[in-house]
Amino acid sequence: MGIFSIFSTKTPEKITGTIDSLLENIDKALSVFKEGIKNYLYNDMAAFTGDISTIAEIETESAALTHEIESMLYSRGYLIRYRGDVMRLLERLGHIVSIISVDLIQLEIEAPKIPTELKKEFMKLAELAVLAAESSIPGAKVYFTDPENVHETTDRVYFYEKEAVKLSQSIKRTVFHDMDTLKLSEKFHLRYFALHIEDLARAAAKVAEQLSVMAIKRTL
């Protein structure tokens, strides 16, 4: 069943394909983000610069796909019941791509120095944040086909989001309590770096929250 076929058997396949393309784009952005963090941490700056360029392209394409979906939602009267919720979902999915773009650009601009002993921790934090966001993508698909099972995917999002927050707090605690050789300005820089990555996991949780609300409405 196509992801929009529950709305109307007359719904054009173009809507299905466009939403699938958007979700694939977000998944691609998450993979590039993870590679970008790795390349930055381990000083492959040429690859890191390439990651930033790739994300810019993905962000532009995602914005175009979102606009196309919005236009189709407004041009088809039989989708009016779902329009507001789907628009809010698109906004929150778009926020994931925006955070990825901003995070990589801020890394390039601010160039925080990551202590060797924290590189694995920051990489793990990025992986957890990406897992949270990746888990929201199946949830978006399930909503359109089987809303009663949305909670099975959102539970994974919340799990990874909580793990990311815990690790971020651990990193920040280590920085401020155990790394006496760092300047206060360097500690603040590392804290912001952790917060930026943590924001991705929190954005995924916002997608999960929206999906849960939408699923409840669909099953009433």
C-alpha atoms as a PDB file:
ATOM      1  CA  MET A   1       0.000   0.000   0.000  1.00  0.00           C
ATOM      2  CA  GLY A   2       1.398   3.441  -0.883  1.00  0.00           C
ATOM      3  CA  ILE A   3       1.948   5.765   2.000  1.00  0.00           C
ATOM      4  CA  PHE A   4      -0.900   8.023   0.937  1.00  0.00           C
ATOM      5  CA  SER A   5      -3.337   5.391  -0.335  1.00  0.00           C
ATOM      6  CA  ILE A   6      -5.220   5.436   2.976  1.00  0.00           C
ATOM      7  CA  PHE A   7      -6.362   8.990   2.227  1.00  0.00           C
ATOM      8  CA  SER A   8      -7.842   8.324  -1.149  1.00  0.00           C
ATOM      9  CA  THR A   9      -7.622   5.636  -3.788  1.00  0.00           C
ATOM     10  CA  LYS A  10      -7.444   8.498  -6.289  1.00  0.00           C
ATOM     11  CA  THR A  11      -4.360  10.058  -4.742  1.00  0.00           C
ATOM     12  CA  PRO A  12      -1.690  10.456  -7.439  1.00  0.00           C
ATOM     13  CA  GLU A  13       1.400   8.308  -7.174  1.00  0.00           C
ATOM     14  CA  LYS A  14       3.415  11.532  -7.389  1.00  0.00           C
ATOM     15  CA  ILE A  15       2.584  12.339  -3.754  1.00  0.00           C
ATOM     16  CA  THR A  16       3.794   8.944  -2.657  1.00  0.00           C
ATOM     17  CA  GLY A  17       7.003   9.268  -4.617  1.00  0.00           C
ATOM     18  CA  THR A  18       7.701  12.804  -3.431  1.00  0.00           C
ATOM     19  CA  ILE A  19       7.292  11.941   0.247  1.00  0.00           C
ATOM     20  CA  ASP A  20       9.447   8.847  -0.190  1.00  0.00           C
ATOM     21  CA  SER A  21      12.103  11.026  -1.832  1.00  0.00           C
ATOM     22  CA  LEU A  22      11.995  13.485   1.065  1.00  0.00           C
ATOM     23  CA  LEU A  23      12.420  10.735   3.651  1.00  0.00           C
ATOM     24  CA  GLU A  24      15.282   9.216   1.642  1.00  0.00           C
ATOM     25  CA  ASN A  25      16.910  12.652   1.509  1.00  0.00           C
ATOM     26  CA  ILE A  26      16.710  12.993   5.287  1.00  0.00           C
ATOM     27  CA  ASP A  27      18.213   9.537   5.707  1.00  0.00           C
ATOM     28  CA  LYS A  28      21.048  10.523   3.367  1.00  0.00           C
ATOM     29  CA  ALA A  29      21.635  13.728   5.321  1.00  0.00           C
ATOM     30  CA  LEU A  30      21.957  11.739   8.544  1.00  0.00           C
ATOM     31  CA  SER A  31      24.601   9.482   7.017  1.00  0.00           C
ATOM     32  CA  VAL A  32      26.559  12.496   5.787  1.00  0.00           C
ATOM     33  CA  PHE A  33      26.261  14.127   9.206  1.00  0.00           C
ATOM     34  CA  LYS A  34      27.742  11.100  10.930  1.00  0.00           C
ATOM     35  CA  GLU A  35      30.598  11.001   8.443  1.00  0.00           C
ATOM     36  CA  GLY A  36      31.071  14.730   8.800  1.00  0.00           C
ATOM     37  CA  ILE A  37      31.461  14.503  12.572  1.00  0.00           C
ATOM     38  CA  LYS A  38      33.915  11.624  12.147  1.00  0.00           C
ATOM     39  CA  ASN A  39      35.929  13.514   9.547  1.00  0.00           C
ATOM     40  CA  TYR A  40      36.089  16.595  11.769  1.00  0.00           C
ATOM     41  CA  LEU A  41      37.090  14.675  14.882  1.00  0.00           C
ATOM     42  CA  TYR A  42      39.865  12.822  13.084  1.00  0.00           C
ATOM     43  CA  ASN A  43      41.104  15.806  11.070  1.00  0.00           C
ATOM     44  CA  ASP A  44      40.118  14.811   7.556  1.00  0.00           C
ATOM     45  CA  MET A  45      39.241  18.390   6.695  1.00  0.00           C
ATOM     46  CA  ALA A  46      39.065  17.871   2.936  1.00  0.00           C
ATOM     47  CA  ALA A  47      36.372  15.226   3.419  1.00  0.00           C
ATOM     48  CA  PHE A  48      34.677  17.399   6.053  1.00  0.00           C
ATOM     49  CA  THR A  49      34.450  20.298   3.604  1.00  0.00           C
ATOM     50  CA  GLY A  50      32.919  17.918   1.082  1.00  0.00           C
ATOM     51  CA  ASP A  51      30.354  16.826   3.675  1.00  0.00           C
ATOM     52  CA  ILE A  52      29.287  20.436   4.203  1.00  0.00           C
ATOM     53  CA  SER A  53      28.817  20.890   0.443  1.00  0.00           C
ATOM     54  CA  THR A  54      26.804  17.670   0.210  1.00  0.00           C
ATOM     55  CA  ILE A  55      24.545  18.710   3.070  1.00  0.00           C
ATOM     56  CA  ALA A  56      23.909  22.074   1.401  1.00  0.00           C
ATOM     57  CA  GLU A  57      22.748  20.241  -1.734  1.00  0.00           C
ATOM     58  CA  ILE A  58      20.547  17.876   0.285  1.00  0.00           C
ATOM     59  CA  GLU A  59      19.034  20.779   2.223  1.00  0.00           C
ATOM     60  CA  THR A  60      18.146  22.600  -1.002  1.00  0.00           C
ATOM     61  CA  GLU A  61      16.606  19.470  -2.499  1.00  0.00           C
ATOM     62  CA  SER A  62      14.673  18.722   0.699  1.00  0.00           C
ATOM     63  CA  ALA A  63      13.243  22.241   0.766  1.00  0.00           C
ATOM     64  CA  ALA A  64      12.091  21.849  -2.846  1.00  0.00           C
ATOM     65  CA  LEU A  65      10.489  18.470  -2.119  1.00  0.00           C
ATOM     66  CA  THR A  66       8.738  19.856   0.964  1.00  0.00           C
ATOM     67  CA  HIS A  67       7.363  22.772  -1.037  1.00  0.00           C
ATOM     68  CA  GLU A  68       6.124  20.353  -3.702  1.00  0.00           C
ATOM     69  CA  ILE A  69       4.364  18.198  -1.096  1.00  0.00           C
ATOM     70  CA  GLU A  70       2.771  21.265   0.499  1.00  0.00           C
ATOM     71  CA  SER A  71       1.483  22.421  -2.884  1.00  0.00           C
ATOM     72  CA  MET A  72      -0.084  19.022  -3.523  1.00  0.00           C
ATOM     73  CA  LEU A  73      -1.690  18.996  -0.073  1.00  0.00           C
ATOM     74  CA  TYR A  74      -3.316  22.374  -0.707  1.00  0.00           C
ATOM     75  CA  SER A  75      -4.445  21.529  -4.233  1.00  0.00           C
ATOM     76  CA  ARG A  76      -6.325  18.376  -3.216  1.00  0.00           C
ATOM     77  CA  GLY A  77      -9.444  19.074  -1.200  1.00  0.00           C
ATOM     78  CA  TYR A  78      -9.889  15.516   0.006  1.00  0.00           C
ATOM     79  CA  LEU A  79      -6.661  15.851   2.030  1.00  0.00           C
ATOM     80  CA  ILE A  80      -7.911  18.802   4.076  1.00  0.00           C
ATOM     81  CA  ARG A  81      -8.561  16.640   7.142  1.00  0.00           C
ATOM     82  CA  TYR A  82      -4.885  15.654   7.319  1.00  0.00           C
ATOM     83  CA  ARG A  83      -3.280  18.782   5.903  1.00  0.00           C
ATOM     84  CA  GLY A  84      -2.421  20.573   9.153  1.00  0.00           C
ATOM     85  CA  ASP A  85      -0.891  17.524  10.816  1.00  0.00           C
ATOM     86  CA  VAL A  86       1.128  16.558   7.764  1.00  0.00           C
ATOM     87  CA  MET A  87       2.395  20.125   7.427  1.00  0.00           C
ATOM     88  CA  ARG A  88       3.570  20.085  11.042  1.00  0.00           C
ATOM     89  CA  LEU A  89       5.257  16.742  10.448  1.00  0.00           C
ATOM     90  CA  LEU A  90       7.037  18.137   7.387  1.00  0.00           C
ATOM     91  CA  GLU A  91       8.186  21.123   9.437  1.00  0.00           C
ATOM     92  CA  ARG A  92       9.688  18.920  12.125  1.00  0.00           C
ATOM     93  CA  LEU A  93      11.350  16.647   9.593  1.00  0.00           C
ATOM     94  CA  GLY A  94      12.780  19.728   7.920  1.00  0.00           C
ATOM     95  CA  HIS A  95      14.156  20.861  11.259  1.00  0.00           C
ATOM     96  CA  ILE A  96      16.308  17.714  11.360  1.00  0.00           C
ATOM     97  CA  VAL A  97      17.996  18.640   8.081  1.00  0.00           C
ATOM     98  CA  SER A  98      18.385  22.241   9.240  1.00  0.00           C
ATOM     99  CA  ILE A  99      20.123  21.176  12.457  1.00  0.00           C
ATOM    100  CA  ILE A 100      22.504  18.937  10.524  1.00  0.00           C
ATOM    101  CA  SER A 101      23.435  21.800   8.211  1.00  0.00           C
ATOM    102  CA  VAL A 102      23.868  24.330  11.006  1.00  0.00           C
ATOM    103  CA  ASP A 103      25.913  21.940  13.152  1.00  0.00           C
ATOM    104  CA  LEU A 104      28.446  21.182  10.427  1.00  0.00           C
ATOM    105  CA  ILE A 105      28.743  24.824   9.419  1.00  0.00           C
ATOM    106  CA  GLN A 106      29.223  25.891  13.049  1.00  0.00           C
ATOM    107  CA  LEU A 107      31.962  23.297  13.425  1.00  0.00           C
ATOM    108  CA  GLU A 108      33.712  24.688  10.384  1.00  0.00           C
ATOM    109  CA  ILE A 109      33.387  28.281  11.612  1.00  0.00           C
ATOM    110  CA  GLU A 110      34.169  27.809  15.314  1.00  0.00           C
ATOM    111  CA  ALA A 111      36.673  24.941  14.920  1.00  0.00           C
ATOM    112  CA  PRO A 112      36.498  23.652  18.512  1.00  0.00           C
ATOM    113  CA  LYS A 113      39.515  21.672  19.692  1.00  0.00           C
ATOM    114  CA  ILE A 114      38.380  18.236  20.843  1.00  0.00           C
ATOM    115  CA  PRO A 115      40.671  16.539  23.383  1.00  0.00           C
ATOM    116  CA  THR A 116      41.823  13.125  22.218  1.00  0.00           C
ATOM    117  CA  GLU A 117      40.254  11.420  25.219  1.00  0.00           C
ATOM    118  CA  LEU A 118      36.816  12.787  24.266  1.00  0.00           C
ATOM    119  CA  LYS A 119      36.799  11.998  20.552  1.00  0.00           C
ATOM    120  CA  LYS A 120      35.253   8.550  20.956  1.00  0.00           C
ATOM    121  CA  GLU A 121      32.618   9.995  23.284  1.00  0.00           C
ATOM    122  CA  PHE A 122      31.667  12.703  20.801  1.00  0.00           C
ATOM    123  CA  MET A 123      31.541  10.149  17.996  1.00  0.00           C
ATOM    124  CA  LYS A 124      29.264   7.936  20.060  1.00  0.00           C
ATOM    125  CA  LEU A 125      27.053  10.935  20.825  1.00  0.00           C
ATOM    126  CA  ALA A 126      26.731  11.659  17.108  1.00  0.00           C
ATOM    127  CA  GLU A 127      25.870   8.016  16.422  1.00  0.00           C
ATOM    128  CA  LEU A 128      23.135   8.009  19.082  1.00  0.00           C
ATOM    129  CA  ALA A 129      21.661  11.262  17.783  1.00  0.00           C
ATOM    130  CA  VAL A 130      21.653   9.866  14.248  1.00  0.00           C
ATOM    131  CA  LEU A 131      20.018   6.628  15.433  1.00  0.00           C
ATOM    132  CA  ALA A 132      17.259   8.658  17.080  1.00  0.00           C
ATOM    133  CA  ALA A 133      16.643  10.604  13.881  1.00  0.00           C
ATOM    134  CA  GLU A 134      16.909   7.526  11.655  1.00  0.00           C
ATOM    135  CA  SER A 135      14.297   5.801  13.806  1.00  0.00           C
ATOM    136  CA  SER A 136      11.825   8.589  13.106  1.00  0.00           C
ATOM    137  CA  ILE A 137      11.836   7.874   9.365  1.00  0.00           C
ATOM    138  CA  PRO A 138      10.134   4.437   9.548  1.00  0.00           C
ATOM    139  CA  GLY A 139       7.655   6.037  11.941  1.00  0.00           C
ATOM    140  CA  ALA A 140       6.723   8.622   9.324  1.00  0.00           C
ATOM    141  CA  LYS A 141       6.117   5.847   6.797  1.00  0.00           C
ATOM    142  CA  VAL A 142       4.172   3.670   9.228  1.00  0.00           C
ATOM    143  CA  TYR A 143       1.834   6.537  10.066  1.00  0.00           C
ATOM    144  CA  PHE A 144       0.460   6.569   6.532  1.00  0.00           C
ATOM    145  CA  THR A 145      -0.005   2.803   6.299  1.00  0.00           C
ATOM    146  CA  ASP A 146      -0.525   1.414   9.807  1.00  0.00           C
ATOM    147  CA  PRO A 147      -0.986   4.186  12.415  1.00  0.00           C
ATOM    148  CA  GLU A 148      -1.737   1.744  15.216  1.00  0.00           C
ATOM    149  CA  ASN A 149       1.904   0.617  15.106  1.00  0.00           C
ATOM    150  CA  VAL A 150       3.491   4.059  15.124  1.00  0.00           C
ATOM    151  CA  HIS A 151       4.343   3.659  18.818  1.00  0.00           C
ATOM    152  CA  GLU A 152       6.642   0.732  17.968  1.00  0.00           C
ATOM    153  CA  THR A 153       8.879   3.088  16.005  1.00  0.00           C
ATOM    154  CA  THR A 154       8.547   6.123  18.264  1.00  0.00           C
ATOM    155  CA  ASP A 155       9.665   4.042  21.250  1.00  0.00           C
ATOM    156  CA  ARG A 156      13.021   3.555  19.512  1.00  0.00           C
ATOM    157  CA  VAL A 157      13.325   7.292  18.896  1.00  0.00           C
ATOM    158  CA  TYR A 158      12.757   8.064  22.574  1.00  0.00           C
ATOM    159  CA  PHE A 159      15.227   5.395  23.640  1.00  0.00           C
ATOM    160  CA  TYR A 160      18.060   6.763  21.513  1.00  0.00           C
ATOM    161  CA  GLU A 161      17.169  10.339  22.406  1.00  0.00           C
ATOM    162  CA  LYS A 162      17.445   9.556  26.118  1.00  0.00           C
ATOM    163  CA  GLU A 163      20.753   7.762  25.583  1.00  0.00           C
ATOM    164  CA  ALA A 164      22.086  10.736  23.632  1.00  0.00           C
ATOM    165  CA  VAL A 165      21.048  13.170  26.351  1.00  0.00           C
ATOM    166  CA  LYS A 166      22.670  11.015  29.039  1.00  0.00           C
ATOM    167  CA  LEU A 167      25.929  10.783  27.112  1.00  0.00           C
ATOM    168  CA  SER A 168      25.908  14.511  26.372  1.00  0.00           C
ATOM    169  CA  GLN A 169      25.498  15.234  30.068  1.00  0.00           C
ATOM    170  CA  SER A 170      28.326  12.831  30.869  1.00  0.00           C
ATOM    171  CA  ILE A 171      30.626  14.585  28.390  1.00  0.00           C
ATOM    172  CA  LYS A 172      29.778  17.993  29.822  1.00  0.00           C
ATOM    173  CA  ARG A 173      30.305  16.742  33.363  1.00  0.00           C
ATOM    174  CA  THR A 174      33.710  15.339  32.404  1.00  0.00           C
ATOM    175  CA  VAL A 175      34.702  18.590  30.721  1.00  0.00           C
ATOM    176  CA  PHE A 176      33.807  20.799  33.687  1.00  0.00           C
ATOM    177  CA  HIS A 177      34.740  18.484  36.560  1.00  0.00           C
ATOM    178  CA  ASP A 178      37.730  16.491  35.344  1.00  0.00           C
ATOM    179  CA  MET A 179      39.584  18.478  32.699  1.00  0.00           C
ATOM    180  CA  ASP A 180      41.369  21.099  34.760  1.00  0.00           C
ATOM    181  CA  THR A 181      43.934  21.891  32.087  1.00  0.00           C
ATOM    182  CA  LEU A 182      41.282  23.360  29.787  1.00  0.00           C
ATOM    183  CA  LYS A 183      40.472  27.042  29.790  1.00  0.00           C
ATOM    184  CA  LEU A 184      36.928  28.001  30.733  1.00  0.00           C
ATOM    185  CA  SER A 185      36.359  29.232  27.175  1.00  0.00           C
ATOM    186  CA  GLU A 186      37.441  25.817  25.855  1.00  0.00           C
ATOM    187  CA  LYS A 187      35.057  24.081  28.239  1.00  0.00           C
ATOM    188  CA  PHE A 188      32.188  26.255  27.024  1.00  0.00           C
ATOM    189  CA  HIS A 189      33.116  25.426  23.435  1.00  0.00           C
ATOM    190  CA  LEU A 190      32.983  21.696  24.126  1.00  0.00           C
ATOM    191  CA  ARG A 191      29.695  22.078  25.946  1.00  0.00           C
ATOM    192  CA  TYR A 192      28.152  23.859  22.964  1.00  0.00           C
ATOM    193  CA  PHE A 193      29.483  21.170  20.629  1.00  0.00           C
ATOM    194  CA  ALA A 194      27.764  18.506  22.736  1.00  0.00           C
ATOM    195  CA  LEU A 195      24.568  20.554  22.849  1.00  0.00           C
ATOM    196  CA  HIS A 196      24.541  21.004  19.070  1.00  0.00           C
ATOM    197  CA  ILE A 197      24.696  17.251  18.530  1.00  0.00           C
ATOM    198  CA  GLU A 198      22.179  16.610  21.316  1.00  0.00           C
ATOM    199  CA  ASP A 199      19.762  18.964  19.528  1.00  0.00           C
ATOM    200  CA  LEU A 200      19.523  16.479  16.665  1.00  0.00           C
ATOM    201  CA  ALA A 201      18.254  13.780  19.012  1.00  0.00           C
ATOM    202  CA  ARG A 202      15.776  16.221  20.557  1.00  0.00           C
ATOM    203  CA  ALA A 203      14.522  17.160  17.086  1.00  0.00           C
ATOM    204  CA  ALA A 204      13.917  13.469  16.387  1.00  0.00           C
ATOM    205  CA  ALA A 205      11.887  13.233  19.595  1.00  0.00           C
ATOM    206  CA  LYS A 206       9.758  16.165  18.362  1.00  0.00           C
ATOM    207  CA  VAL A 207       9.028  14.198  15.184  1.00  0.00           C
ATOM    208  CA  ALA A 208       8.054  11.197  17.308  1.00  0.00           C
ATOM    209  CA  GLU A 209       5.754  13.360  19.438  1.00  0.00           C
ATOM    210  CA  GLN A 210       4.029  14.700  16.344  1.00  0.00           C
ATOM    211  CA  LEU A 211       3.629  11.210  14.904  1.00  0.00           C
ATOM    212  CA  SER A 212       2.114   9.963  18.169  1.00  0.00           C
ATOM    213  CA  VAL A 213      -0.461  12.750  18.179  1.00  0.00           C
ATOM    214  CA  MET A 214      -1.308  12.106  14.531  1.00  0.00           C
ATOM    215  CA  ALA A 215      -1.613   8.363  15.119  1.00  0.00           C
ATOM    216  CA  ILE A 216      -4.028   8.902  18.009  1.00  0.00           C
ATOM    217  CA  LYS A 217      -6.206  11.126  15.836  1.00  0.00           C
ATOM    218  CA  ARG A 218      -6.216   8.513  13.076  1.00  0.00           C
ATOM    219  CA  THR A 219      -7.321   5.732  15.400  1.00  0.00           C
ATOM    220  CA  LEU A 220     -10.151   7.627  17.108  1.00  0.00           C
END
